[in-house]
Amino acid sequence: MRCGYCNLAKKQLKRELSIDEWKKALKNLDNIGIKTVKILGGEPTIIEGFEDLIRFMNEETSIKYAVLSNSTFSEEKLNSLVNAGIQGYFASIDGVEDVKGLDEHGIIKSNAGFDKLKSFKEAGVKILGANVVITKKNLLNIPEITKILSDNGIWVNLCPVIHEKGDHWEFRAEIPEESKFTDADIPEINNIMIKLLQMKLEGYKITVPDSYLINMSKYGVYSNWKCEELVQLRIDADGALMICNEIRGKVAKKYNATEMDKEKFEEFKEDWKNERAKIDCSGCYWSCFLTAEDNLKNGKLEFDCMEEQK
């Protein structure tokens, strides 16, 4: 669908792994101790034989996984995924019901995502989630979106819009000015985050740590969080292990999931750390993968009204 905040569709690889190669890769990941996997794209549901991969993960690995999709596939495809035993499903949803302020693609995938999540729930799929990208267009609707999704048994993963772009980034895309957050939006962001913190205390299904919500204005306006530890392993469609979601790096030429064992993984982690230290990164929005403890160390409460909320 080439959505505005995802540049994946523009990147061309010489080849992608076959289903049999992915089976080998996932078995290797299981053997080195990877516990959870999110399968995303691009669009994974268009790959021929994808259901066979799901069955393999269920029967031959101990990995817990979820599939992330734009949800525009058919009812027949949904049934085939259910019959294969899909463990979890995440949809990309930036609005529900009247989906105010979204572009055409946003409306299509949000409506389709909500419908698919409800269908998967009816089919008994246990892990259900929505990635909700927060922009200036939908900010005021985020509490309502969160409530509706949570009331339907769907976990909500909140992400601020990606809006920075450097010359060497592979995945980022420019965002229209009307979607970007600025310093002037910080008070409104903070007010919305206070509402979400209260909702989380009341039991609404919000996945991100409290410290992430508290610092959302920092991530949403400046996107300047920088990783210092390997907090999430990224594997590209050709099996290459990457520096991060944005950068393949030299490690991608050296390490592949189809050839991974514990010894090579330890070597990769050391190479990752050394290469990462040399990269002049302007920061990104993937701060949601920082642990809550580290997040609290790196960020501080920056608005006084939080004290009243306590």
Foldseek 3Di string as FASTA:
>chain_A
DCDQWWQQVVDDDPDFDALVLVLLLVLQCQQLPAAEEEAEGPAQLVHPCSLVSLLSCVPPHNHQYEYEHLQPDDPVSLVSNVVSPGQYYEFEAADDDVRFQDDPSNVNSNDSLVVSQLVVVVSPRQHAEYEHEAWLGCLVVVVVRLVVCQVSVYAYEYFYGWADDDPQWNIGHHDDPRGADAPVCVVVLQVSLLVVVVVVVVPGRYDFDNLCSLCVSVCRHQLQDDDQACLDWDAHRRQFTALDPTGRPPSRVVDGSSPDHNVVVVVSRVVSNVRSVVDPDRHHGPCSSPDPVVSPVVDDRDDDCVVVSD
